[in-house]
Amino acid sequence: MSLNRKKIIICSAIFVFIFLGTLIPSRLSFTTTPSLKHRLFWLNKVFAKTDIKRGDYIMFRFATKYINDGKPIKAIKEVVCTPGDELKVNGKDYYCRGAYIGTAKDTAMTGDKVDNFKFNGAVPEQSYFVVGHIKDSYDSKYYGFIKRDNIEKIALPIY
């Protein structure tokens, strides 16, 4: 192999590593909370409202008085109810399309009182109800619907 060809291969490899190094961090998300079954997600941009389906994981922005002093944070949760689905709250039990999706608690793990989201009816257009996978997950049972405008990416589980 000629010296020129080696230089081209090495330069090409360096370019590929630099290019991937700028893309991959913005496409991967690692979650440390135990509220999901998965820890590592590949993030894809959401292009249309039809991109989001029941069972998808989404990364979204939201603000709550209980976390980060009310400043917006990002979270990943699973979509369990989509626009038009029937959401029913019976006491503290939540159902989507007649299927049980979880029970709200009165207190957080810290012992602080939390308010429960109350709603009965069809999920509004461009709104989604999301949950985590453990009983202590802070999710839509407490903060309500996630609006389509607050969804940043679809999160595909890797591990």
C-alpha atoms as a PDB file:
ATOM      1  CA  MET A   1       0.000   0.000   0.000  1.00  0.00           C
ATOM      2  CA  SER A   2       1.377   3.377  -0.942  1.00  0.00           C
ATOM      3  CA  LEU A   3       2.047   6.131   1.587  1.00  0.00           C
ATOM      4  CA  ASN A   4      -0.553   8.349  -0.093  1.00  0.00           C
ATOM      5  CA  ARG A   5      -3.239   5.656   0.197  1.00  0.00           C
ATOM      6  CA  LYS A   6      -2.418   5.141   3.920  1.00  0.00           C
ATOM      7  CA  LYS A   7      -2.752   8.883   4.531  1.00  0.00           C
ATOM      8  CA  ILE A   8      -6.143   8.939   2.794  1.00  0.00           C
ATOM      9  CA  ILE A   9      -7.399   5.967   4.851  1.00  0.00           C
ATOM     10  CA  ILE A  10      -6.143   7.471   8.129  1.00  0.00           C
ATOM     11  CA  CYS A  11      -7.615  10.895   7.325  1.00  0.00           C
ATOM     12  CA  SER A  12     -10.924   9.301   6.320  1.00  0.00           C
ATOM     13  CA  ALA A  13     -11.044   7.275   9.542  1.00  0.00           C
ATOM     14  CA  ILE A  14     -10.330  10.382  11.637  1.00  0.00           C
ATOM     15  CA  PHE A  15     -13.057  12.287   9.802  1.00  0.00           C
ATOM     16  CA  VAL A  16     -15.584   9.448  10.388  1.00  0.00           C
ATOM     17  CA  PHE A  17     -14.739   9.270  14.114  1.00  0.00           C
ATOM     18  CA  ILE A  18     -15.043  13.056  14.509  1.00  0.00           C
ATOM     19  CA  PHE A  19     -18.323  13.088  12.575  1.00  0.00           C
ATOM     20  CA  LEU A  20     -19.803  10.215  14.623  1.00  0.00           C
ATOM     21  CA  GLY A  21     -18.478  11.775  17.820  1.00  0.00           C
ATOM     22  CA  THR A  22     -20.549  14.894  17.155  1.00  0.00           C
ATOM     23  CA  LEU A  23     -23.720  12.946  16.307  1.00  0.00           C
ATOM     24  CA  ILE A  24     -23.817  10.092  18.796  1.00  0.00           C
ATOM     25  CA  PRO A  25     -23.944  12.056  22.093  1.00  0.00           C
ATOM     26  CA  SER A  26     -27.024  13.941  20.913  1.00  0.00           C
ATOM     27  CA  ARG A  27     -28.643  10.669  19.820  1.00  0.00           C
ATOM     28  CA  LEU A  28     -28.077   8.645  23.020  1.00  0.00           C
ATOM     29  CA  SER A  29     -29.698   9.066  26.390  1.00  0.00           C
ATOM     30  CA  PHE A  30     -28.835   7.175  29.550  1.00  0.00           C
ATOM     31  CA  THR A  31     -31.368   7.266  32.374  1.00  0.00           C
ATOM     32  CA  THR A  32     -30.306   6.610  35.938  1.00  0.00           C
ATOM     33  CA  THR A  33     -33.765   6.574  37.511  1.00  0.00           C
ATOM     34  CA  PRO A  34     -35.341   3.179  38.204  1.00  0.00           C
ATOM     35  CA  SER A  35     -38.702   4.287  36.787  1.00  0.00           C
ATOM     36  CA  LEU A  36     -38.146   2.562  33.424  1.00  0.00           C
ATOM     37  CA  LYS A  37     -37.274  -1.016  32.443  1.00  0.00           C
ATOM     38  CA  HIS A  38     -34.613   0.287  30.066  1.00  0.00           C
ATOM     39  CA  ARG A  39     -31.559   2.445  30.776  1.00  0.00           C
ATOM     40  CA  LEU A  40     -30.093   3.305  27.355  1.00  0.00           C
ATOM     41  CA  PHE A  41     -32.133   4.899  24.548  1.00  0.00           C
ATOM     42  CA  TRP A  42     -31.456   5.895  20.947  1.00  0.00           C
ATOM     43  CA  LEU A  43     -33.210   9.220  20.278  1.00  0.00           C
ATOM     44  CA  ASN A  44     -35.034   9.995  17.032  1.00  0.00           C
ATOM     45  CA  LYS A  45     -36.589  13.331  16.133  1.00  0.00           C
ATOM     46  CA  VAL A  46     -40.390  13.363  15.976  1.00  0.00           C
ATOM     47  CA  PHE A  47     -41.539  14.540  12.564  1.00  0.00           C
ATOM     48  CA  ALA A  48     -45.318  14.278  12.764  1.00  0.00           C
ATOM     49  CA  LYS A  49     -47.936  13.652  15.398  1.00  0.00           C
ATOM     50  CA  THR A  50     -48.589  10.281  13.779  1.00  0.00           C
ATOM     51  CA  ASP A  51     -45.022   9.273  14.709  1.00  0.00           C
ATOM     52  CA  ILE A  52     -46.113   8.766  18.333  1.00  0.00           C
ATOM     53  CA  LYS A  53     -48.014   5.593  19.191  1.00  0.00           C
ATOM     54  CA  ARG A  54     -49.114   3.746  22.299  1.00  0.00           C
ATOM     55  CA  GLY A  55     -46.127   1.831  23.673  1.00  0.00           C
ATOM     56  CA  ASP A  56     -43.555   4.327  22.367  1.00  0.00           C
ATOM     57  CA  TYR A  57     -41.093   5.980  24.710  1.00  0.00           C
ATOM     58  CA  ILE A  58     -40.783   9.748  24.354  1.00  0.00           C
ATOM     59  CA  MET A  59     -38.374  12.390  25.613  1.00  0.00           C
ATOM     60  CA  PHE A  60     -40.237  15.532  26.636  1.00  0.00           C
ATOM     61  CA  ARG A  61     -39.913  18.775  28.599  1.00  0.00           C
ATOM     62  CA  PHE A  62     -42.118  19.571  31.557  1.00  0.00           C
ATOM     63  CA  ALA A  63     -42.123  21.690  34.683  1.00  0.00           C
ATOM     64  CA  THR A  64     -43.467  20.803  38.108  1.00  0.00           C
ATOM     65  CA  LYS A  65     -43.277  22.367  41.530  1.00  0.00           C
ATOM     66  CA  TYR A  66     -42.004  19.045  42.930  1.00  0.00           C
ATOM     67  CA  ILE A  67     -38.774  18.818  40.895  1.00  0.00           C
ATOM     68  CA  ASN A  68     -36.003  21.322  40.131  1.00  0.00           C
ATOM     69  CA  ASP A  69     -37.845  24.231  41.787  1.00  0.00           C
ATOM     70  CA  GLY A  70     -40.378  24.327  38.960  1.00  0.00           C
ATOM     71  CA  LYS A  71     -37.784  24.813  36.219  1.00  0.00           C
ATOM     72  CA  PRO A  72     -38.340  22.676  33.090  1.00  0.00           C
ATOM     73  CA  ILE A  73     -36.623  19.302  32.977  1.00  0.00           C
ATOM     74  CA  LYS A  74     -36.449  16.511  30.405  1.00  0.00           C
ATOM     75  CA  ALA A  75     -37.836  13.049  31.043  1.00  0.00           C
ATOM     76  CA  ILE A  76     -38.408   9.795  29.187  1.00  0.00           C
ATOM     77  CA  LYS A  77     -41.620   7.834  29.793  1.00  0.00           C
ATOM     78  CA  GLU A  78     -43.811   5.323  27.958  1.00  0.00           C
ATOM     79  CA  VAL A  79     -46.917   6.526  26.109  1.00  0.00           C
ATOM     80  CA  VAL A  80     -49.991   4.595  27.303  1.00  0.00           C
ATOM     81  CA  CYS A  81     -52.819   6.839  26.059  1.00  0.00           C
ATOM     82  CA  THR A  82     -52.911   8.765  22.797  1.00  0.00           C
ATOM     83  CA  PRO A  83     -55.317  11.416  21.471  1.00  0.00           C
ATOM     84  CA  GLY A  84     -58.868  10.088  21.358  1.00  0.00           C
ATOM     85  CA  ASP A  85     -58.219   7.206  23.791  1.00  0.00           C
ATOM     86  CA  GLU A  86     -60.628   7.015  26.720  1.00  0.00           C
ATOM     87  CA  LEU A  87     -58.847   7.808  30.006  1.00  0.00           C
ATOM     88  CA  LYS A  88     -60.746   7.030  33.198  1.00  0.00           C
ATOM     89  CA  VAL A  89     -59.719   7.774  36.760  1.00  0.00           C
ATOM     90  CA  ASN A  90     -61.559   5.765  39.398  1.00  0.00           C
ATOM     91  CA  GLY A  91     -60.383   6.976  42.798  1.00  0.00           C
ATOM     92  CA  LYS A  92     -56.621   6.657  42.409  1.00  0.00           C
ATOM     93  CA  ASP A  93     -56.702   3.936  39.726  1.00  0.00           C
ATOM     94  CA  TYR A  94     -56.035   4.906  36.101  1.00  0.00           C
ATOM     95  CA  TYR A  95     -57.416   3.117  33.032  1.00  0.00           C
ATOM     96  CA  CYS A  96     -56.821   3.691  29.344  1.00  0.00           C
ATOM     97  CA  ARG A  97     -59.259   2.103  26.908  1.00  0.00           C
ATOM     98  CA  GLY A  98     -60.495   0.007  29.840  1.00  0.00           C
ATOM     99  CA  ALA A  99     -57.033  -1.404  30.665  1.00  0.00           C
ATOM    100  CA  TYR A 100     -55.516  -0.715  34.080  1.00  0.00           C
ATOM    101  CA  ILE A 101     -52.352   1.417  33.837  1.00  0.00           C
ATOM    102  CA  GLY A 102     -51.533   2.257  37.453  1.00  0.00           C
ATOM    103  CA  THR A 103     -52.488   3.649  40.827  1.00  0.00           C
ATOM    104  CA  ALA A 104     -51.528   7.105  42.066  1.00  0.00           C
ATOM    105  CA  LYS A 105     -50.039   7.640  45.500  1.00  0.00           C
ATOM    106  CA  ASP A 106     -50.696  10.431  47.997  1.00  0.00           C
ATOM    107  CA  THR A 107     -47.030  10.962  48.864  1.00  0.00           C
ATOM    108  CA  ALA A 108     -43.752  10.961  46.997  1.00  0.00           C
ATOM    109  CA  MET A 109     -40.795   8.795  48.053  1.00  0.00           C
ATOM    110  CA  THR A 110     -39.604  11.835  50.010  1.00  0.00           C
ATOM    111  CA  GLY A 111     -42.808  11.815  52.054  1.00  0.00           C
ATOM    112  CA  ASP A 112     -44.080  15.034  50.450  1.00  0.00           C
ATOM    113  CA  LYS A 113     -47.757  15.145  49.538  1.00  0.00           C
ATOM    114  CA  VAL A 114     -48.407  15.025  45.781  1.00  0.00           C
ATOM    115  CA  ASP A 115     -51.534  15.956  43.870  1.00  0.00           C
ATOM    116  CA  ASN A 116     -53.120  13.365  41.598  1.00  0.00           C
ATOM    117  CA  PHE A 117     -54.259  14.209  38.074  1.00  0.00           C
ATOM    118  CA  LYS A 118     -58.039  13.900  37.717  1.00  0.00           C
ATOM    119  CA  PHE A 119     -59.625  13.356  34.319  1.00  0.00           C
ATOM    120  CA  ASN A 120     -62.357  11.279  32.713  1.00  0.00           C
ATOM    121  CA  GLY A 121     -62.933  11.337  28.980  1.00  0.00           C
ATOM    122  CA  ALA A 122     -61.153  11.277  25.644  1.00  0.00           C
ATOM    123  CA  VAL A 123     -57.499  12.325  25.652  1.00  0.00           C
ATOM    124  CA  PRO A 124     -57.405  15.744  23.941  1.00  0.00           C
ATOM    125  CA  GLU A 125     -55.815  16.245  20.534  1.00  0.00           C
ATOM    126  CA  GLN A 126     -52.020  16.550  20.603  1.00  0.00           C
ATOM    127  CA  SER A 127     -51.891  15.268  24.205  1.00  0.00           C
ATOM    128  CA  TYR A 128     -50.377  12.077  25.604  1.00  0.00           C
ATOM    129  CA  PHE A 129     -50.600  10.248  28.926  1.00  0.00           C
ATOM    130  CA  VAL A 130     -47.259   8.713  29.943  1.00  0.00           C
ATOM    131  CA  VAL A 131     -46.125   6.386  32.737  1.00  0.00           C
ATOM    132  CA  GLY A 132     -43.011   4.840  34.213  1.00  0.00           C
ATOM    133  CA  HIS A 133     -42.695   1.183  35.144  1.00  0.00           C
ATOM    134  CA  ILE A 134     -42.505   1.312  38.938  1.00  0.00           C
ATOM    135  CA  LYS A 135     -45.115   2.340  41.519  1.00  0.00           C
ATOM    136  CA  ASP A 136     -43.003   5.337  42.579  1.00  0.00           C
ATOM    137  CA  SER A 137     -42.639   6.740  39.053  1.00  0.00           C
ATOM    138  CA  TYR A 138     -43.462  10.430  38.822  1.00  0.00           C
ATOM    139  CA  ASP A 139     -45.545  10.489  35.659  1.00  0.00           C
ATOM    140  CA  SER A 140     -48.838  11.634  34.111  1.00  0.00           C
ATOM    141  CA  LYS A 141     -50.769  10.305  37.105  1.00  0.00           C
ATOM    142  CA  TYR A 142     -49.454  13.425  38.840  1.00  0.00           C
ATOM    143  CA  TYR A 143     -48.672  16.059  36.196  1.00  0.00           C
ATOM    144  CA  GLY A 144     -51.280  15.170  33.578  1.00  0.00           C
ATOM    145  CA  PHE A 145     -50.994  15.166  29.823  1.00  0.00           C
ATOM    146  CA  ILE A 146     -47.838  15.867  27.858  1.00  0.00           C
ATOM    147  CA  LYS A 147     -48.575  18.272  25.021  1.00  0.00           C
ATOM    148  CA  ARG A 148     -47.228  17.441  21.568  1.00  0.00           C
ATOM    149  CA  ASP A 149     -45.224  20.706  21.503  1.00  0.00           C
ATOM    150  CA  ASN A 150     -43.222  19.548  24.557  1.00  0.00           C
ATOM    151  CA  ILE A 151     -42.163  16.249  22.975  1.00  0.00           C
ATOM    152  CA  GLU A 152     -38.621  16.432  21.643  1.00  0.00           C
ATOM    153  CA  LYS A 153     -37.800  12.905  20.531  1.00  0.00           C
ATOM    154  CA  ILE A 154     -38.929   9.315  20.338  1.00  0.00           C
ATOM    155  CA  ALA A 155     -36.675   7.189  22.563  1.00  0.00           C
ATOM    156  CA  LEU A 156     -35.946   3.705  21.248  1.00  0.00           C
ATOM    157  CA  PRO A 157     -34.792   1.323  24.007  1.00  0.00           C
ATOM    158  CA  ILE A 158     -31.352  -0.217  23.453  1.00  0.00           C
ATOM    159  CA  TYR A 159     -30.647  -1.720  26.879  1.00  0.00           C
END
